[in-house]
Amino acid sequence: MSQEILKKVEDLCRKPEVSEFAIGDTVNVHCKILEGDKERIQIFNGVVIARSGGGTREMFVVRRIVNGEGVERKFPLHSPKIARVETVRSAIVRRAKLYFLRDRVGKKTRLAERRVERKVETEAAAKPAKARRGRKAKKAAREQAKKEA
């Protein structure tokens, strides 16, 4: 009974759309900042080194280097102060927490990039794959078409 009530309250506080990102991804976090009566958006970019929690209590930690010093910020994923999280680059990682990056300096902090093929939804882009076949494949397709005719 109480779990159901908690779930209903948490669902009200959740953001309807949360951008997907993984540990090791380089992200731009668009934070809303109040200065007097004005509100502006400030971008904090860095590498996601950890995610924790679940539901409305889910948090993620972003690390970046500023003037030779490591700066880490912990953000609540469903906070109204976060406008959006934009993934810039994905990396191949084999850990859930990348705390070992704290000890590394310079080029050693770089992670191997994950190559992601983007899905093309237009029909025109999907059709040229047939035209990209090699000469032998085209010739075989022509001969097969002649046999069928």
C-alpha atoms as a PDB file:
ATOM      1  CA  MET A   1       0.000   0.000   0.000  1.00  0.00           C
ATOM      2  CA  SER A   2       2.630   2.565   1.028  1.00  0.00           C
ATOM      3  CA  GLN A   3       4.884   1.522  -1.875  1.00  0.00           C
ATOM      4  CA  GLU A   4       2.066   2.238  -4.324  1.00  0.00           C
ATOM      5  CA  ILE A   5       1.539   5.703  -2.833  1.00  0.00           C
ATOM      6  CA  LEU A   6       5.284   6.443  -3.047  1.00  0.00           C
ATOM      7  CA  LYS A   7       5.351   5.301  -6.662  1.00  0.00           C
ATOM      8  CA  LYS A   8       2.452   7.615  -7.570  1.00  0.00           C
ATOM      9  CA  VAL A   9       4.144  10.600  -5.893  1.00  0.00           C
ATOM     10  CA  GLU A  10       7.470   9.815  -7.601  1.00  0.00           C
ATOM     11  CA  ASP A  11       5.798   9.546 -11.009  1.00  0.00           C
ATOM     12  CA  LEU A  12       4.486  13.098 -10.593  1.00  0.00           C
ATOM     13  CA  CYS A  13       8.024  14.395  -9.952  1.00  0.00           C
ATOM     14  CA  ARG A  14       9.681  12.535 -12.816  1.00  0.00           C
ATOM     15  CA  LYS A  15      10.582  14.235 -16.075  1.00  0.00           C
ATOM     16  CA  PRO A  16       8.549  12.853 -18.993  1.00  0.00           C
ATOM     17  CA  GLU A  17      11.566  12.708 -21.328  1.00  0.00           C
ATOM     18  CA  VAL A  18      15.072  12.022 -20.063  1.00  0.00           C
ATOM     19  CA  SER A  19      17.884  11.870 -22.602  1.00  0.00           C
ATOM     20  CA  GLU A  20      19.810   8.623 -22.667  1.00  0.00           C
ATOM     21  CA  PHE A  21      23.484   8.636 -21.779  1.00  0.00           C
ATOM     22  CA  ALA A  22      25.843   6.085 -20.312  1.00  0.00           C
ATOM     23  CA  ILE A  23      28.882   6.066 -18.094  1.00  0.00           C
ATOM     24  CA  GLY A  24      31.936   7.242 -20.012  1.00  0.00           C
ATOM     25  CA  ASP A  25      29.931   9.539 -22.301  1.00  0.00           C
ATOM     26  CA  THR A  26      30.989  13.150 -22.689  1.00  0.00           C
ATOM     27  CA  VAL A  27      27.905  15.251 -22.027  1.00  0.00           C
ATOM     28  CA  ASN A  28      26.784  18.868 -21.948  1.00  0.00           C
ATOM     29  CA  VAL A  29      24.518  19.462 -18.945  1.00  0.00           C
ATOM     30  CA  HIS A  30      22.348  22.550 -19.454  1.00  0.00           C
ATOM     31  CA  CYS A  31      21.751  23.955 -15.934  1.00  0.00           C
ATOM     32  CA  LYS A  32      19.239  26.687 -15.166  1.00  0.00           C
ATOM     33  CA  ILE A  33      20.774  29.413 -12.995  1.00  0.00           C
ATOM     34  CA  LEU A  34      18.906  32.247 -11.277  1.00  0.00           C
ATOM     35  CA  GLU A  35      20.707  35.597 -11.133  1.00  0.00           C
ATOM     36  CA  GLY A  36      18.479  38.097  -9.387  1.00  0.00           C
ATOM     37  CA  ASP A  37      15.187  37.911 -11.258  1.00  0.00           C
ATOM     38  CA  LYS A  38      16.726  36.593 -14.504  1.00  0.00           C
ATOM     39  CA  GLU A  39      17.127  32.945 -15.393  1.00  0.00           C
ATOM     40  CA  ARG A  40      19.851  31.782 -17.744  1.00  0.00           C
ATOM     41  CA  ILE A  41      21.275  28.445 -18.858  1.00  0.00           C
ATOM     42  CA  GLN A  42      24.870  27.508 -18.133  1.00  0.00           C
ATOM     43  CA  ILE A  43      26.501  24.497 -19.781  1.00  0.00           C
ATOM     44  CA  PHE A  44      28.679  22.146 -17.735  1.00  0.00           C
ATOM     45  CA  ASN A  45      30.469  19.690 -20.008  1.00  0.00           C
ATOM     46  CA  GLY A  46      32.504  16.689 -18.961  1.00  0.00           C
ATOM     47  CA  VAL A  47      32.656  12.904 -18.672  1.00  0.00           C
ATOM     48  CA  VAL A  48      29.987  10.963 -16.784  1.00  0.00           C
ATOM     49  CA  ILE A  49      31.943   8.951 -14.218  1.00  0.00           C
ATOM     50  CA  ALA A  50      29.073   7.519 -12.150  1.00  0.00           C
ATOM     51  CA  ARG A  51      25.325   6.988 -11.921  1.00  0.00           C
ATOM     52  CA  SER A  52      23.512   6.033  -8.762  1.00  0.00           C
ATOM     53  CA  GLY A  53      20.039   5.688  -7.303  1.00  0.00           C
ATOM     54  CA  GLY A  54      16.788   5.017  -9.055  1.00  0.00           C
ATOM     55  CA  GLY A  55      13.466   6.638  -9.757  1.00  0.00           C
ATOM     56  CA  THR A  56      13.314  10.300  -8.828  1.00  0.00           C
ATOM     57  CA  ARG A  57      16.434   9.936  -6.668  1.00  0.00           C
ATOM     58  CA  GLU A  58      18.701   9.002  -9.588  1.00  0.00           C
ATOM     59  CA  MET A  59      21.948  11.015  -9.678  1.00  0.00           C
ATOM     60  CA  PHE A  60      24.918  11.238 -12.034  1.00  0.00           C
ATOM     61  CA  VAL A  61      28.422  12.643 -11.583  1.00  0.00           C
ATOM     62  CA  VAL A  62      30.165  14.638 -14.324  1.00  0.00           C
ATOM     63  CA  ARG A  63      33.901  15.359 -14.200  1.00  0.00           C
ATOM     64  CA  ARG A  64      35.894  17.887 -16.176  1.00  0.00           C
ATOM     65  CA  ILE A  65      39.259  19.620 -15.941  1.00  0.00           C
ATOM     66  CA  VAL A  66      39.288  23.394 -15.407  1.00  0.00           C
ATOM     67  CA  ASN A  67      42.642  25.227 -15.280  1.00  0.00           C
ATOM     68  CA  GLY A  68      44.469  21.989 -14.468  1.00  0.00           C
ATOM     69  CA  GLU A  69      42.123  21.117 -11.575  1.00  0.00           C
ATOM     70  CA  GLY A  70      39.542  18.343 -11.684  1.00  0.00           C
ATOM     71  CA  VAL A  71      35.984  19.542 -11.012  1.00  0.00           C
ATOM     72  CA  GLU A  72      33.150  17.117 -10.331  1.00  0.00           C
ATOM     73  CA  ARG A  73      29.470  17.965 -10.066  1.00  0.00           C
ATOM     74  CA  LYS A  74      26.714  15.674  -8.955  1.00  0.00           C
ATOM     75  CA  PHE A  75      23.355  16.274 -10.653  1.00  0.00           C
ATOM     76  CA  PRO A  76      19.906  14.865  -9.859  1.00  0.00           C
ATOM     77  CA  LEU A  77      18.606  13.437 -13.135  1.00  0.00           C
ATOM     78  CA  HIS A  78      14.985  14.561 -12.683  1.00  0.00           C
ATOM     79  CA  SER A  79      15.763  18.009 -11.252  1.00  0.00           C
ATOM     80  CA  PRO A  80      13.841  20.990 -12.664  1.00  0.00           C
ATOM     81  CA  LYS A  81      17.149  22.917 -12.573  1.00  0.00           C
ATOM     82  CA  ILE A  82      18.478  20.733 -15.416  1.00  0.00           C
ATOM     83  CA  ALA A  83      17.104  21.837 -18.786  1.00  0.00           C
ATOM     84  CA  ARG A  84      18.599  18.938 -20.740  1.00  0.00           C
ATOM     85  CA  VAL A  85      21.540  16.564 -21.004  1.00  0.00           C
ATOM     86  CA  GLU A  86      23.133  16.415 -24.436  1.00  0.00           C
ATOM     87  CA  THR A  87      25.486  13.561 -25.373  1.00  0.00           C
ATOM     88  CA  VAL A  88      28.515  14.820 -27.294  1.00  0.00           C
ATOM     89  CA  ARG A  89      30.559  11.630 -27.556  1.00  0.00           C
ATOM     90  CA  SER A  90      30.307   8.036 -26.353  1.00  0.00           C
ATOM     91  CA  ALA A  91      33.177   5.975 -25.009  1.00  0.00           C
ATOM     92  CA  ILE A  92      33.899   2.297 -24.528  1.00  0.00           C
ATOM     93  CA  VAL A  93      34.101   1.519 -20.803  1.00  0.00           C
ATOM     94  CA  ARG A  94      34.080  -1.714 -18.823  1.00  0.00           C
ATOM     95  CA  ARG A  95      33.299  -0.285 -15.396  1.00  0.00           C
ATOM     96  CA  ALA A  96      30.214   1.083 -13.677  1.00  0.00           C
ATOM     97  CA  LYS A  97      32.208   3.781 -11.858  1.00  0.00           C
ATOM     98  CA  LEU A  98      35.140   5.579 -13.463  1.00  0.00           C
ATOM     99  CA  TYR A  99      36.744   6.858 -10.274  1.00  0.00           C
ATOM    100  CA  PHE A 100      40.168   5.799 -11.578  1.00  0.00           C
ATOM    101  CA  LEU A 101      40.067   8.887 -13.837  1.00  0.00           C
ATOM    102  CA  ARG A 102      40.639  11.022 -10.722  1.00  0.00           C
ATOM    103  CA  ASP A 103      44.217   9.749 -10.486  1.00  0.00           C
ATOM    104  CA  ARG A 104      45.034  10.226 -14.155  1.00  0.00           C
ATOM    105  CA  VAL A 105      46.448  13.409 -15.675  1.00  0.00           C
ATOM    106  CA  GLY A 106      46.624  14.723 -19.251  1.00  0.00           C
ATOM    107  CA  LYS A 107      46.180  12.377 -22.201  1.00  0.00           C
ATOM    108  CA  LYS A 108      45.756   9.379 -19.907  1.00  0.00           C
ATOM    109  CA  THR A 109      42.262  10.583 -19.035  1.00  0.00           C
ATOM    110  CA  ARG A 110      41.008   9.999 -22.583  1.00  0.00           C
ATOM    111  CA  LEU A 111      38.661   7.093 -23.187  1.00  0.00           C
ATOM    112  CA  ALA A 112      38.335   5.067 -26.402  1.00  0.00           C
ATOM    113  CA  GLU A 113      35.462   6.357 -28.525  1.00  0.00           C
ATOM    114  CA  ARG A 114      32.479   4.126 -29.276  1.00  0.00           C
ATOM    115  CA  ARG A 115      31.472   4.226 -32.938  1.00  0.00           C
ATOM    116  CA  VAL A 116      27.702   4.459 -33.224  1.00  0.00           C
ATOM    117  CA  GLU A 117      25.941   4.081 -36.554  1.00  0.00           C
ATOM    118  CA  ARG A 118      22.976   6.380 -36.854  1.00  0.00           C
ATOM    119  CA  LYS A 119      19.710   5.027 -38.222  1.00  0.00           C
ATOM    120  CA  VAL A 120      18.508   6.731 -41.372  1.00  0.00           C
ATOM    121  CA  GLU A 121      14.733   6.851 -41.537  1.00  0.00           C
ATOM    122  CA  THR A 122      14.189   8.133 -45.050  1.00  0.00           C
ATOM    123  CA  GLU A 123      13.390   5.649 -47.812  1.00  0.00           C
ATOM    124  CA  ALA A 124      15.650   7.404 -50.317  1.00  0.00           C
ATOM    125  CA  ALA A 125      18.670   6.848 -48.085  1.00  0.00           C
ATOM    126  CA  ALA A 126      17.828   3.167 -47.599  1.00  0.00           C
ATOM    127  CA  LYS A 127      17.530   2.343 -51.328  1.00  0.00           C
ATOM    128  CA  PRO A 128      21.076   3.289 -52.504  1.00  0.00           C
ATOM    129  CA  ALA A 129      22.468   0.357 -50.505  1.00  0.00           C
ATOM    130  CA  LYS A 130      21.398  -1.843 -53.425  1.00  0.00           C
ATOM    131  CA  ALA A 131      23.356   0.329 -55.879  1.00  0.00           C
ATOM    132  CA  ARG A 132      26.520   0.101 -53.775  1.00  0.00           C
ATOM    133  CA  ARG A 133      27.120  -3.563 -54.603  1.00  0.00           C
ATOM    134  CA  GLY A 134      30.289  -4.535 -56.388  1.00  0.00           C
ATOM    135  CA  ARG A 135      30.569  -5.361 -60.105  1.00  0.00           C
ATOM    136  CA  LYS A 136      30.378  -9.112 -59.625  1.00  0.00           C
ATOM    137  CA  ALA A 137      27.261  -8.888 -57.474  1.00  0.00           C
ATOM    138  CA  LYS A 138      25.570  -6.628 -60.021  1.00  0.00           C
ATOM    139  CA  LYS A 139      26.474  -8.984 -62.851  1.00  0.00           C
ATOM    140  CA  ALA A 140      25.147 -11.991 -60.940  1.00  0.00           C
ATOM    141  CA  ALA A 141      21.891 -10.128 -60.223  1.00  0.00           C
ATOM    142  CA  ARG A 142      21.498  -9.288 -63.935  1.00  0.00           C
ATOM    143  CA  GLU A 143      22.120 -12.904 -64.993  1.00  0.00           C
ATOM    144  CA  GLN A 144      19.597 -14.141 -62.425  1.00  0.00           C
ATOM    145  CA  ALA A 145      17.034 -11.643 -63.701  1.00  0.00           C
ATOM    146  CA  LYS A 146      17.603 -12.915 -67.295  1.00  0.00           C
ATOM    147  CA  LYS A 147      17.090 -16.528 -66.166  1.00  0.00           C
ATOM    148  CA  GLU A 148      13.813 -15.663 -64.447  1.00  0.00           C
ATOM    149  CA  ALA A 149      12.526 -13.751 -67.516  1.00  0.00           C
END
